[in-house]
Amino acid sequence: MIEVVDLEKTFHIGFFRRKVEAVRSVSFHVEKGEVFGLLGPNGAGKTTTLKMMMGLIRMDRGRIQLLGQSAKSHHARESVGYLPENPYFHEYLTPRELLGFYGQLCGLSSAQISERRDQLIERVGLSHAATRPLRKFSKGMLQRIGIAQALIAKPSLLILDEPMSGLDPIGRKFVMDLMQELRDSGVTILFSSHILSDVERLCDRVVILNHGRKVSEGPLTELLKTDSGENRTLEDLFVEKAMALNV
């Protein structure tokens, strides 16, 4: 479903063009129907990796395949739903207008848009605000409508960058329940998150990045076992791997 091989990206920032290696030889794969977590501390390279997968940033080196095809192919991209870390929407549109706009971009018919947008608005818990301008939305409400736009074309692969960001407990429940429903229906989900309890609840497998490098990958059930056979928390594993390259 997803294959990332030897991905690399270097930025040159500031007046003196200081070299920053954002992603260094990162490889991982995601199987069909999995929920896969992309973890790491701030600056680990998570968002840069996701942007390269979506073609928003050009990779320096490596190979990315989505749905068995090059990530650059039109067929692969039309089957992917994407939520960026900081989505921006025109603030004078309503949720119904916004989803209608994205539906048109995806080539949906008027009948498909009409049916799909109302279903999605209800699924993310925003039926009460369907005709309210987005400028009156809280950050959490904007995040939920962002998830709805990622689903408008019924993608088989969903890529979400920090989908729980800014959500209150009610919003988190709506999104968690929705992600579980999507997994049960066969949708493959790759998401980054800092909320480790959500990752433990949702993910089949994870990869952990630090300083642009992959430091761990595998099924959660295996990664959470210590050498002595005891179970540890994802927080313990995360801290251990995050600190490994800081010593």
C-alpha atoms as a PDB file:
ATOM      1  CA  MET A   1       0.000   0.000   0.000  1.00  0.00           C
ATOM      2  CA  ILE A   2       2.780   2.445   1.009  1.00  0.00           C
ATOM      3  CA  GLU A   3       6.487   1.924   0.475  1.00  0.00           C
ATOM      4  CA  VAL A   4       9.072   4.538   1.419  1.00  0.00           C
ATOM      5  CA  VAL A   5      12.686   3.683   0.558  1.00  0.00           C
ATOM      6  CA  ASP A   6      15.840   5.624   1.538  1.00  0.00           C
ATOM      7  CA  LEU A   7      14.032   8.949   1.707  1.00  0.00           C
ATOM      8  CA  GLU A   8      16.265  11.989   2.183  1.00  0.00           C
ATOM      9  CA  LYS A   9      15.701  15.733   2.386  1.00  0.00           C
ATOM     10  CA  THR A  10      18.119  18.537   3.235  1.00  0.00           C
ATOM     11  CA  PHE A  11      17.207  22.200   3.692  1.00  0.00           C
ATOM     12  CA  HIS A  12      19.543  25.199   3.585  1.00  0.00           C
ATOM     13  CA  ILE A  13      18.252  27.901   5.898  1.00  0.00           C
ATOM     14  CA  GLY A  14      19.215  31.387   6.992  1.00  0.00           C
ATOM     15  CA  PHE A  15      21.527  33.979   5.482  1.00  0.00           C
ATOM     16  CA  PHE A  16      24.507  31.624   5.605  1.00  0.00           C
ATOM     17  CA  ARG A  17      22.475  28.746   4.106  1.00  0.00           C
ATOM     18  CA  ARG A  18      23.040  26.481   7.076  1.00  0.00           C
ATOM     19  CA  LYS A  19      22.569  22.827   6.137  1.00  0.00           C
ATOM     20  CA  VAL A  20      19.789  20.975   7.988  1.00  0.00           C
ATOM     21  CA  GLU A  21      19.264  17.285   7.269  1.00  0.00           C
ATOM     22  CA  ALA A  22      15.530  16.964   7.896  1.00  0.00           C
ATOM     23  CA  VAL A  23      15.130  13.351   6.731  1.00  0.00           C
ATOM     24  CA  ARG A  24      18.021  10.885   6.483  1.00  0.00           C
ATOM     25  CA  SER A  25      17.674   7.511   4.732  1.00  0.00           C
ATOM     26  CA  VAL A  26      14.203   6.779   6.111  1.00  0.00           C
ATOM     27  CA  SER A  27      12.460   3.601   4.943  1.00  0.00           C
ATOM     28  CA  PHE A  28       9.193   2.014   6.049  1.00  0.00           C
ATOM     29  CA  HIS A  29       6.137   0.308   4.610  1.00  0.00           C
ATOM     30  CA  VAL A  30       2.435   0.280   5.411  1.00  0.00           C
ATOM     31  CA  GLU A  31       0.244  -2.721   4.602  1.00  0.00           C
ATOM     32  CA  LYS A  32      -3.248  -2.493   3.160  1.00  0.00           C
ATOM     33  CA  GLY A  33      -5.897  -1.989   5.845  1.00  0.00           C
ATOM     34  CA  GLU A  34      -3.408  -0.996   8.559  1.00  0.00           C
ATOM     35  CA  VAL A  35      -3.480   1.982  10.866  1.00  0.00           C
ATOM     36  CA  PHE A  36       0.140   3.104  10.965  1.00  0.00           C
ATOM     37  CA  GLY A  37       1.582   5.696  13.331  1.00  0.00           C
ATOM     38  CA  LEU A  38       4.408   8.084  12.468  1.00  0.00           C
ATOM     39  CA  LEU A  39       5.956   9.191  15.758  1.00  0.00           C
ATOM     40  CA  GLY A  40       8.811  11.372  16.901  1.00  0.00           C
ATOM     41  CA  PRO A  41       9.623  14.527  18.871  1.00  0.00           C
ATOM     42  CA  ASN A  42       9.316  18.004  17.370  1.00  0.00           C
ATOM     43  CA  GLY A  43      11.725  18.400  14.472  1.00  0.00           C
ATOM     44  CA  ALA A  44      12.069  14.656  13.906  1.00  0.00           C
ATOM     45  CA  GLY A  45      11.053  14.904  10.238  1.00  0.00           C
ATOM     46  CA  LYS A  46       7.464  13.663  10.410  1.00  0.00           C
ATOM     47  CA  THR A  47       5.760  16.523   8.570  1.00  0.00           C
ATOM     48  CA  THR A  48       8.558  16.747   5.997  1.00  0.00           C
ATOM     49  CA  THR A  49       8.155  13.027   5.292  1.00  0.00           C
ATOM     50  CA  LEU A  50       4.390  13.334   4.833  1.00  0.00           C
ATOM     51  CA  LYS A  51       4.777  16.378   2.570  1.00  0.00           C
ATOM     52  CA  MET A  52       7.213  14.484   0.363  1.00  0.00           C
ATOM     53  CA  MET A  53       4.754  11.607   0.162  1.00  0.00           C
ATOM     54  CA  MET A  54       2.088  14.044  -1.044  1.00  0.00           C
ATOM     55  CA  GLY A  55       4.396  15.761  -3.530  1.00  0.00           C
ATOM     56  CA  LEU A  56       4.334  19.069  -1.661  1.00  0.00           C
ATOM     57  CA  ILE A  57       8.103  18.973  -1.097  1.00  0.00           C
ATOM     58  CA  ARG A  58      10.583  17.513  -3.562  1.00  0.00           C
ATOM     59  CA  MET A  59      12.709  14.728  -2.110  1.00  0.00           C
ATOM     60  CA  ASP A  60      16.474  14.835  -2.627  1.00  0.00           C
ATOM     61  CA  ARG A  61      16.764  11.075  -2.831  1.00  0.00           C
ATOM     62  CA  GLY A  62      14.649   7.976  -2.377  1.00  0.00           C
ATOM     63  CA  ARG A  63      11.506   6.325  -3.665  1.00  0.00           C
ATOM     64  CA  ILE A  64       7.859   6.569  -2.599  1.00  0.00           C
ATOM     65  CA  GLN A  65       5.068   4.301  -3.764  1.00  0.00           C
ATOM     66  CA  LEU A  66       1.397   4.732  -2.898  1.00  0.00           C
ATOM     67  CA  LEU A  67      -1.113   2.012  -3.770  1.00  0.00           C
ATOM     68  CA  GLY A  68       1.598   0.145  -5.650  1.00  0.00           C
ATOM     69  CA  GLN A  69       2.392   3.076  -7.950  1.00  0.00           C
ATOM     70  CA  SER A  70       4.721   6.042  -7.945  1.00  0.00           C
ATOM     71  CA  ALA A  71       3.509   8.751  -5.586  1.00  0.00           C
ATOM     72  CA  LYS A  72       3.710  11.126  -8.558  1.00  0.00           C
ATOM     73  CA  SER A  73       1.076   9.239 -10.564  1.00  0.00           C
ATOM     74  CA  HIS A  74      -2.394  10.728 -10.939  1.00  0.00           C
ATOM     75  CA  HIS A  75      -4.100   7.425 -10.147  1.00  0.00           C
ATOM     76  CA  ALA A  76      -2.270   7.116  -6.829  1.00  0.00           C
ATOM     77  CA  ARG A  77      -3.013  10.683  -5.771  1.00  0.00           C
ATOM     78  CA  GLU A  78      -6.716  10.559  -6.637  1.00  0.00           C
ATOM     79  CA  SER A  79      -7.115   7.658  -4.193  1.00  0.00           C
ATOM     80  CA  VAL A  80      -5.467   9.489  -1.266  1.00  0.00           C
ATOM     81  CA  GLY A  81      -7.113  11.788   1.274  1.00  0.00           C
ATOM     82  CA  TYR A  82      -4.782  14.232   3.049  1.00  0.00           C
ATOM     83  CA  LEU A  83      -4.985  16.495   6.088  1.00  0.00           C
ATOM     84  CA  PRO A  84      -1.973  18.833   6.529  1.00  0.00           C
ATOM     85  CA  GLU A  85      -0.662  19.834   9.936  1.00  0.00           C
ATOM     86  CA  ASN A  86      -2.030  23.385   9.632  1.00  0.00           C
ATOM     87  CA  PRO A  87      -4.912  23.371   7.149  1.00  0.00           C
ATOM     88  CA  TYR A  88      -6.156  26.687   5.788  1.00  0.00           C
ATOM     89  CA  PHE A  89      -9.685  27.160   4.516  1.00  0.00           C
ATOM     90  CA  HIS A  90     -11.448  30.239   3.152  1.00  0.00           C
ATOM     91  CA  GLU A  91     -13.041  31.651   6.268  1.00  0.00           C
ATOM     92  CA  TYR A  92     -16.224  32.942   4.627  1.00  0.00           C
ATOM     93  CA  LEU A  93     -17.257  29.526   3.336  1.00  0.00           C
ATOM     94  CA  THR A  94     -19.572  27.250   5.280  1.00  0.00           C
ATOM     95  CA  PRO A  95     -18.771  23.545   5.795  1.00  0.00           C
ATOM     96  CA  ARG A  96     -21.290  22.621   3.095  1.00  0.00           C
ATOM     97  CA  GLU A  97     -19.725  25.085   0.646  1.00  0.00           C
ATOM     98  CA  LEU A  98     -16.199  23.974   1.494  1.00  0.00           C
ATOM     99  CA  LEU A  99     -16.931  20.283   0.998  1.00  0.00           C
ATOM    100  CA  GLY A 100     -18.817  21.098  -2.201  1.00  0.00           C
ATOM    101  CA  PHE A 101     -15.735  22.906  -3.503  1.00  0.00           C
ATOM    102  CA  TYR A 102     -13.420  20.002  -2.681  1.00  0.00           C
ATOM    103  CA  GLY A 103     -15.913  17.553  -4.134  1.00  0.00           C
ATOM    104  CA  GLN A 104     -15.812  19.444  -7.436  1.00  0.00           C
ATOM    105  CA  LEU A 105     -12.003  19.399  -7.384  1.00  0.00           C
ATOM    106  CA  CYS A 106     -12.183  15.617  -6.985  1.00  0.00           C
ATOM    107  CA  GLY A 107     -14.536  15.303  -9.956  1.00  0.00           C
ATOM    108  CA  LEU A 108     -17.638  14.251  -8.035  1.00  0.00           C
ATOM    109  CA  SER A 109     -21.075  14.838  -9.529  1.00  0.00           C
ATOM    110  CA  SER A 110     -23.539  17.262  -7.909  1.00  0.00           C
ATOM    111  CA  ALA A 111     -25.580  14.323  -6.618  1.00  0.00           C
ATOM    112  CA  GLN A 112     -22.503  12.655  -5.126  1.00  0.00           C
ATOM    113  CA  ILE A 113     -21.414  15.888  -3.470  1.00  0.00           C
ATOM    114  CA  SER A 114     -24.853  16.532  -2.009  1.00  0.00           C
ATOM    115  CA  GLU A 115     -25.016  13.061  -0.472  1.00  0.00           C
ATOM    116  CA  ARG A 116     -21.407  12.820   0.636  1.00  0.00           C
ATOM    117  CA  ARG A 117     -20.957  16.215   2.296  1.00  0.00           C
ATOM    118  CA  ASP A 118     -23.973  15.915   4.578  1.00  0.00           C
ATOM    119  CA  GLN A 119     -22.885  12.435   5.644  1.00  0.00           C
ATOM    120  CA  LEU A 120     -19.395  13.674   6.468  1.00  0.00           C
ATOM    121  CA  ILE A 121     -20.558  16.764   8.326  1.00  0.00           C
ATOM    122  CA  GLU A 122     -22.677  14.497  10.506  1.00  0.00           C
ATOM    123  CA  ARG A 123     -19.857  11.981  11.013  1.00  0.00           C
ATOM    124  CA  VAL A 124     -17.477  14.632  12.347  1.00  0.00           C
ATOM    125  CA  GLY A 125     -20.168  16.037  14.637  1.00  0.00           C
ATOM    126  CA  LEU A 126     -20.728  19.396  12.934  1.00  0.00           C
ATOM    127  CA  SER A 127     -24.338  19.131  11.756  1.00  0.00           C
ATOM    128  CA  HIS A 128     -25.275  21.986  14.076  1.00  0.00           C
ATOM    129  CA  ALA A 129     -22.756  24.256  12.299  1.00  0.00           C
ATOM    130  CA  ALA A 130     -23.260  23.149   8.680  1.00  0.00           C
ATOM    131  CA  THR A 131     -24.296  26.637   7.523  1.00  0.00           C
ATOM    132  CA  ARG A 132     -22.028  28.643   9.833  1.00  0.00           C
ATOM    133  CA  PRO A 133     -19.058  30.512   8.259  1.00  0.00           C
ATOM    134  CA  LEU A 134     -15.716  28.907   9.043  1.00  0.00           C
ATOM    135  CA  ARG A 135     -14.421  32.180  10.509  1.00  0.00           C
ATOM    136  CA  LYS A 136     -16.647  31.443  13.513  1.00  0.00           C
ATOM    137  CA  PHE A 137     -15.195  27.968  14.034  1.00  0.00           C
ATOM    138  CA  SER A 138     -12.825  27.026  16.840  1.00  0.00           C
ATOM    139  CA  LYS A 139      -9.500  25.358  16.012  1.00  0.00           C
ATOM    140  CA  GLY A 140     -10.948  21.982  16.921  1.00  0.00           C
ATOM    141  CA  MET A 141     -13.966  22.476  14.660  1.00  0.00           C
ATOM    142  CA  LEU A 142     -11.693  23.490  11.773  1.00  0.00           C
ATOM    143  CA  GLN A 143      -9.654  20.351  12.372  1.00  0.00           C
ATOM    144  CA  ARG A 144     -12.778  18.208  12.145  1.00  0.00           C
ATOM    145  CA  ILE A 145     -13.933  19.821   8.899  1.00  0.00           C
ATOM    146  CA  GLY A 146     -10.391  19.275   7.610  1.00  0.00           C
ATOM    147  CA  ILE A 147     -10.783  15.563   8.214  1.00  0.00           C
ATOM    148  CA  ALA A 148     -14.131  15.666   6.411  1.00  0.00           C
ATOM    149  CA  GLN A 149     -12.522  17.259   3.320  1.00  0.00           C
ATOM    150  CA  ALA A 150      -9.879  14.520   3.308  1.00  0.00           C
ATOM    151  CA  LEU A 151     -12.692  11.959   3.074  1.00  0.00           C
ATOM    152  CA  ILE A 152     -14.906  13.649   0.474  1.00  0.00           C
ATOM    153  CA  ALA A 153     -13.767  11.404  -2.412  1.00  0.00           C
ATOM    154  CA  LYS A 154     -13.902   8.139  -0.410  1.00  0.00           C
ATOM    155  CA  PRO A 155     -10.135   7.543  -0.492  1.00  0.00           C
ATOM    156  CA  SER A 156      -8.667   4.091   0.037  1.00  0.00           C
ATOM    157  CA  LEU A 157      -5.618   5.670   1.724  1.00  0.00           C
ATOM    158  CA  LEU A 158      -5.783   8.428   4.329  1.00  0.00           C
ATOM    159  CA  ILE A 159      -2.712  10.464   5.346  1.00  0.00           C
ATOM    160  CA  LEU A 160      -3.247  12.697   8.376  1.00  0.00           C
ATOM    161  CA  ASP A 161      -0.685  15.037   9.949  1.00  0.00           C
ATOM    162  CA  GLU A 162      -1.540  15.519  13.643  1.00  0.00           C
ATOM    163  CA  PRO A 163      -5.302  14.893  13.222  1.00  0.00           C
ATOM    164  CA  MET A 164      -5.988  15.254  16.964  1.00  0.00           C
ATOM    165  CA  SER A 165      -4.363  18.692  17.190  1.00  0.00           C
ATOM    166  CA  GLY A 166      -6.602  21.253  18.876  1.00  0.00           C
ATOM    167  CA  LEU A 167      -9.457  18.844  19.542  1.00  0.00           C
ATOM    168  CA  ASP A 168     -11.362  18.875  22.808  1.00  0.00           C
ATOM    169  CA  PRO A 169     -12.428  15.526  24.361  1.00  0.00           C
ATOM    170  CA  ILE A 170     -15.690  15.488  22.380  1.00  0.00           C
ATOM    171  CA  GLY A 171     -13.922  16.228  19.112  1.00  0.00           C
ATOM    172  CA  ARG A 172     -11.288  13.585  19.831  1.00  0.00           C
ATOM    173  CA  LYS A 173     -13.993  10.993  20.409  1.00  0.00           C
ATOM    174  CA  PHE A 174     -15.673  11.831  17.092  1.00  0.00           C
ATOM    175  CA  VAL A 175     -12.363  11.528  15.238  1.00  0.00           C
ATOM    176  CA  MET A 176     -11.225   8.381  17.068  1.00  0.00           C
ATOM    177  CA  ASP A 177     -14.542   6.658  16.396  1.00  0.00           C
ATOM    178  CA  LEU A 178     -14.399   7.725  12.753  1.00  0.00           C
ATOM    179  CA  MET A 179     -10.866   6.388  12.312  1.00  0.00           C
ATOM    180  CA  GLN A 180     -11.894   3.063  13.828  1.00  0.00           C
ATOM    181  CA  GLU A 181     -14.891   2.889  11.472  1.00  0.00           C
ATOM    182  CA  LEU A 182     -12.636   3.619   8.502  1.00  0.00           C
ATOM    183  CA  ARG A 183     -10.182   0.925   9.567  1.00  0.00           C
ATOM    184  CA  ASP A 184     -13.030  -1.581   9.903  1.00  0.00           C
ATOM    185  CA  SER A 185     -14.182  -0.685   6.377  1.00  0.00           C
ATOM    186  CA  GLY A 186     -10.717  -1.394   4.934  1.00  0.00           C
ATOM    187  CA  VAL A 187      -9.297   2.129   4.602  1.00  0.00           C
ATOM    188  CA  THR A 188      -5.536   2.318   5.176  1.00  0.00           C
ATOM    189  CA  ILE A 189      -4.547   5.142   7.545  1.00  0.00           C
ATOM    190  CA  LEU A 190      -1.139   6.723   8.116  1.00  0.00           C
ATOM    191  CA  PHE A 191      -1.067   9.468  10.728  1.00  0.00           C
ATOM    192  CA  SER A 192       1.386  11.378  12.864  1.00  0.00           C
ATOM    193  CA  SER A 193       0.566  12.270  16.444  1.00  0.00           C
ATOM    194  CA  HIS A 194       1.982  13.431  19.757  1.00  0.00           C
ATOM    195  CA  ILE A 195      -0.941  11.905  21.668  1.00  0.00           C
ATOM    196  CA  LEU A 196       0.514   8.517  22.517  1.00  0.00           C
ATOM    197  CA  SER A 197      -2.641   7.133  24.125  1.00  0.00           C
ATOM    198  CA  ASP A 198      -4.444   7.582  20.798  1.00  0.00           C
ATOM    199  CA  VAL A 199      -1.615   5.831  18.976  1.00  0.00           C
ATOM    200  CA  GLU A 200      -1.772   2.865  21.364  1.00  0.00           C
ATOM    201  CA  ARG A 201      -5.512   2.598  20.890  1.00  0.00           C
ATOM    202  CA  LEU A 202      -5.563   2.887  17.096  1.00  0.00           C
ATOM    203  CA  CYS A 203      -2.303   1.698  15.546  1.00  0.00           C
ATOM    204  CA  ASP A 204      -1.295  -1.732  14.342  1.00  0.00           C
ATOM    205  CA  ARG A 205       2.304  -0.674  13.699  1.00  0.00           C
ATOM    206  CA  VAL A 206       4.437   2.436  14.164  1.00  0.00           C
ATOM    207  CA  VAL A 207       7.701   3.971  13.043  1.00  0.00           C
ATOM    208  CA  ILE A 208       9.611   6.348  15.323  1.00  0.00           C
ATOM    209  CA  LEU A 209      11.807   9.102  13.880  1.00  0.00           C
ATOM    210  CA  ASN A 210      14.391  11.226  15.655  1.00  0.00           C
ATOM    211  CA  HIS A 211      16.678  13.853  14.100  1.00  0.00           C
ATOM    212  CA  GLY A 212      15.449  12.738  10.689  1.00  0.00           C
ATOM    213  CA  ARG A 213      16.418   9.104  11.214  1.00  0.00           C
ATOM    214  CA  LYS A 214      14.320   6.011  11.750  1.00  0.00           C
ATOM    215  CA  VAL A 215      15.084   4.647  15.215  1.00  0.00           C
ATOM    216  CA  SER A 216      12.371   1.991  15.501  1.00  0.00           C
ATOM    217  CA  GLU A 217       9.646   0.306  13.455  1.00  0.00           C
ATOM    218  CA  GLY A 218       7.319  -2.620  14.002  1.00  0.00           C
ATOM    219  CA  PRO A 219       4.057  -3.926  15.462  1.00  0.00           C
ATOM    220  CA  LEU A 220       3.111  -2.164  18.675  1.00  0.00           C
ATOM    221  CA  THR A 221       2.644  -5.462  20.501  1.00  0.00           C
ATOM    222  CA  GLU A 222       6.273  -6.386  19.788  1.00  0.00           C
ATOM    223  CA  LEU A 223       7.801  -2.968  20.379  1.00  0.00           C
ATOM    224  CA  LEU A 224       6.169  -2.661  23.783  1.00  0.00           C
ATOM    225  CA  LYS A 225       7.777  -5.864  25.065  1.00  0.00           C
ATOM    226  CA  THR A 226      11.098  -5.507  26.879  1.00  0.00           C
ATOM    227  CA  ASP A 227      14.003  -7.949  26.536  1.00  0.00           C
ATOM    228  CA  SER A 228      12.794  -9.641  29.715  1.00  0.00           C
ATOM    229  CA  GLY A 229       9.340 -10.192  28.204  1.00  0.00           C
ATOM    230  CA  GLU A 230       7.571  -7.572  30.297  1.00  0.00           C
ATOM    231  CA  ASN A 231       5.278  -4.946  28.794  1.00  0.00           C
ATOM    232  CA  ARG A 232       6.132  -1.259  28.809  1.00  0.00           C
ATOM    233  CA  THR A 233       4.119   1.773  27.826  1.00  0.00           C
ATOM    234  CA  LEU A 234       4.413   3.540  24.501  1.00  0.00           C
ATOM    235  CA  GLU A 235       5.534   6.606  26.427  1.00  0.00           C
ATOM    236  CA  ASP A 236       8.494   4.656  27.858  1.00  0.00           C
ATOM    237  CA  LEU A 237       9.429   3.402  24.386  1.00  0.00           C
ATOM    238  CA  PHE A 238       9.031   6.849  22.857  1.00  0.00           C
ATOM    239  CA  VAL A 239      11.247   8.528  25.464  1.00  0.00           C
ATOM    240  CA  GLU A 240      13.888   5.804  25.135  1.00  0.00           C
ATOM    241  CA  LYS A 241      14.083   6.146  21.355  1.00  0.00           C
ATOM    242  CA  ALA A 242      13.832   9.946  21.413  1.00  0.00           C
ATOM    243  CA  MET A 243      16.720  10.169  23.862  1.00  0.00           C
ATOM    244  CA  ALA A 244      18.884   7.598  22.086  1.00  0.00           C
ATOM    245  CA  LEU A 245      20.361  10.078  19.582  1.00  0.00           C
ATOM    246  CA  ASN A 246      20.557  12.919  22.095  1.00  0.00           C
ATOM    247  CA  VAL A 247      23.232  11.294  24.232  1.00  0.00           C
END
